[in-house]
Protein backbone atom coordinates (compact mmCIF):
# COMPACT_ATOMS: atom_id res chain seq x y z
CA MET A 1 0.00 0.00 0.00
CA ALA A 2 2.84 2.42 0.91
CA PHE A 3 4.56 1.61 -2.40
CA LEU A 4 1.39 2.47 -4.34
CA LEU A 5 0.96 5.74 -2.44
CA ALA A 6 4.59 6.71 -3.03
CA LEU A 7 4.26 5.84 -6.71
CA ASN A 8 1.05 7.88 -6.97
CA PHE A 9 2.47 11.00 -5.25
CA SER A 10 5.73 10.85 -7.16
CA SER A 11 3.83 11.52 -10.37
CA PHE A 12 3.00 15.01 -9.04
CA ALA A 13 6.63 15.81 -8.23
CA ASP A 14 8.24 18.65 -10.10
CA ASP A 15 10.99 17.71 -12.52
CA LEU A 16 14.19 19.44 -11.43
CA THR A 17 17.40 19.38 -13.31
CA ILE A 18 20.81 19.87 -11.80
CA SER A 19 21.08 23.28 -13.43
CA ASP A 20 17.94 24.44 -11.53
CA ALA A 21 19.50 23.84 -8.11
CA GLU A 22 21.50 26.65 -6.55
CA PRO A 23 24.95 25.71 -5.28
CA TYR A 24 25.70 26.05 -1.56
CA ASN A 25 27.28 29.40 -0.88
CA THR A 26 29.24 29.70 2.37
CA LYS A 27 29.53 33.49 2.09
CA VAL A 28 25.76 33.97 2.42
CA ILE A 29 25.69 32.72 6.02
CA PRO A 30 27.32 35.13 8.50
CA GLN A 31 29.87 33.76 10.97
CA TRP A 32 27.77 34.64 14.03
CA VAL A 33 24.93 32.44 12.71
CA LYS A 34 27.35 29.53 12.32
CA ASP A 35 28.63 30.11 15.86
CA VAL A 36 25.13 30.21 17.35
CA ARG A 37 24.14 27.07 15.44
CA ARG A 38 27.23 25.23 16.69
CA GLY A 39 26.42 26.32 20.26
CA GLU A 40 22.84 25.10 19.84
CA ILE A 41 23.97 21.72 18.54
CA ILE A 42 26.46 21.28 21.39
CA THR A 43 23.87 22.36 23.97
CA LEU A 44 21.19 19.97 22.75
CA GLY A 45 23.69 17.18 22.14
CA SER A 46 25.12 17.38 25.65
CA TRP A 47 21.74 17.46 27.39
CA PRO A 48 21.18 13.66 27.61
CA PHE A 49 24.67 13.14 29.01
CA THR A 50 24.37 15.95 31.54
CA THR A 51 20.94 14.64 32.58
CA LEU A 52 22.43 11.22 33.25
CA LEU A 53 25.37 12.67 35.17
CA VAL A 54 23.19 15.05 37.20
CA SER A 55 20.75 12.28 38.13
CA LEU A 56 23.58 9.95 39.18
CA SER A 57 25.25 12.76 41.12
CA TYR A 58 21.96 13.56 42.85
CA SER A 59 21.48 9.90 43.76
CA MET A 60 25.01 9.59 45.09
CA GLY A 61 24.61 12.86 47.03
CA MET A 62 21.38 11.69 48.67
CA PHE A 63 23.01 8.32 49.37
CA ALA A 64 26.00 10.03 51.06
CA ILE A 65 23.90 12.56 53.02
CA HIS A 66 21.78 9.79 54.59
CA ASN A 67 24.80 7.84 55.90
CA TRP A 68 24.99 5.46 52.95
CA ASP A 69 21.53 4.01 53.57
CA SER A 70 20.65 2.01 50.46
CA SER A 71 16.98 3.05 50.60
CA TYR A 72 18.04 6.61 49.64
CA PHE A 73 19.93 5.58 46.51
CA ARG A 74 17.59 6.15 43.58
CA ASN A 75 18.45 4.15 40.50
CA PRO A 76 17.68 6.21 37.36
CA PHE A 77 17.40 2.98 35.33
CA SER A 78 14.93 1.34 37.71
CA SER A 79 11.57 0.34 36.22
CA SER A 80 9.98 -0.10 39.64
CA GLY A 81 8.05 2.64 41.38
CA ASP A 82 10.89 3.75 43.72
CA GLY A 83 12.26 6.27 41.24
CA TYR A 84 12.40 10.01 41.56
CA SER A 85 9.46 12.19 42.56
CA TYR A 86 8.02 14.77 40.16
CA LYS A 87 9.84 17.60 41.96
CA GLU A 88 13.16 15.73 41.81
CA ILE A 89 12.73 15.00 38.10
CA ARG A 90 11.92 18.64 37.39
CA ASN A 91 14.95 19.86 39.35
CA ILE A 92 17.26 17.32 37.67
CA LEU A 93 16.05 18.39 34.21
CA LEU A 94 16.43 22.09 35.03
CA VAL A 95 19.93 21.64 36.44
CA SER A 96 20.99 19.50 33.48
CA ALA A 97 19.55 22.07 31.05
CA GLY A 98 21.53 24.80 32.82
CA VAL A 99 24.73 22.75 32.66
CA SER A 100 24.14 22.03 28.95
CA VAL A 101 23.60 25.71 28.20
CA GLY A 102 26.79 26.46 30.12
CA ILE A 103 28.68 23.92 28.00
CA GLY A 104 27.29 25.47 24.79
CA ILE A 105 28.16 29.04 25.88
CA THR A 106 31.64 27.94 26.96
CA ASP A 107 32.22 26.36 23.55
CA LEU A 108 30.96 29.53 21.84
CA ILE A 109 33.32 31.73 23.87
CA VAL A 110 36.30 29.41 23.32
CA ASN A 111 35.72 29.38 19.54
CA ILE A 112 35.36 33.16 19.35
CA VAL A 113 38.56 33.67 21.38
CA LYS A 114 40.47 31.14 19.25
CA ARG A 115 39.32 32.84 16.04
CA GLU A 116 40.28 36.30 17.33
CA ASN A 117 43.71 35.04 18.46
CA ALA A 118 44.29 33.46 15.04
CA LYS A 119 43.29 36.74 13.38
CA LYS A 120 45.70 38.71 15.60
CA LYS A 121 48.47 36.24 14.82
CA ARG A 122 47.84 36.57 11.06
CA ASN A 123 47.87 40.36 11.33
CA ALA A 124 51.10 40.31 13.36
CA GLU A 125 52.76 38.07 10.75
CA GLN A 126 51.65 40.37 7.96
CA LEU A 127 53.01 43.42 9.78
CA LYS A 128 56.28 41.62 10.43
CA ASN A 129 56.93 41.28 6.68
CA ILE A 130 56.64 45.00 5.89
CA THR A 131 59.96 46.63 5.17
CA ILE A 132 60.35 50.40 4.84
CA THR A 133 63.51 51.63 3.16
CA PRO A 134 64.21 55.33 2.64
CA LEU A 135 64.64 56.39 -0.97
CA ASP A 136 67.61 58.22 -2.32
CA SER A 137 66.73 61.64 -3.58
CA GLY A 138 67.66 60.61 -7.11
CA GLN A 139 65.50 57.48 -7.23
CA ASP A 140 61.91 57.59 -8.38
CA ARG A 141 60.85 54.08 -7.25
CA LEU A 142 62.21 51.30 -5.10
CA PHE A 143 61.05 47.71 -5.40
CA ILE A 144 61.41 45.60 -2.28
CA PHE A 145 61.11 41.84 -2.59
CA ASP A 146 60.53 40.11 0.73
CA GLY A 147 59.71 36.44 0.19
CA SER A 148 56.68 36.07 -2.03
CA LYS A 149 55.34 39.55 -1.25
CA ARG A 150 56.15 42.67 -3.24
CA GLU A 151 55.82 46.16 -1.82
CA TYR A 152 56.22 49.38 -3.74
CA ILE A 153 57.30 52.65 -2.22
CA PHE A 154 56.73 55.83 -4.19
CA GLY A 155 58.22 59.15 -3.20
CA ASP A 156 60.28 59.80 -0.12
CA LEU A 157 59.85 58.26 3.34
CA GLU A 158 57.29 60.79 4.55
CA SER A 159 54.94 60.13 1.65
CA ALA A 160 55.33 56.37 1.33
CA VAL A 161 52.41 54.62 -0.40
CA PHE A 162 52.04 50.86 -0.08
């Protein structure tokens, strides 16, 4: 039945050729959108793990507070009725959501700082390669070759144009 439905609806599909599709353009999406999307993915991806760790930490904390009495250790994997109360579940989910958001924001900050440091390093390397040589009064132009870069100085030192 599903095959017949799929066959029937595919007859209404629009015929697209490869030339109709627009290629993916990375310059259309701003960097801050990519950063926020990465933070969102990391936040939502870490939530199950933080929920598990928070619930186990809560169980171990309650177990330790009540002098290691086994009746206070709540097993998060238990299918019996001695699990967490509604209030405990709500608090565990809220704490784990907060920790996940913290992980996502930390990743966002770390990536922004790394990108800015890389940009500063690139700028410092570019500035390091600039060479300024004073011109003799009789010369009109001086060509300076420094590695693969070429700089031109026109005029005297006070009116140098790069």
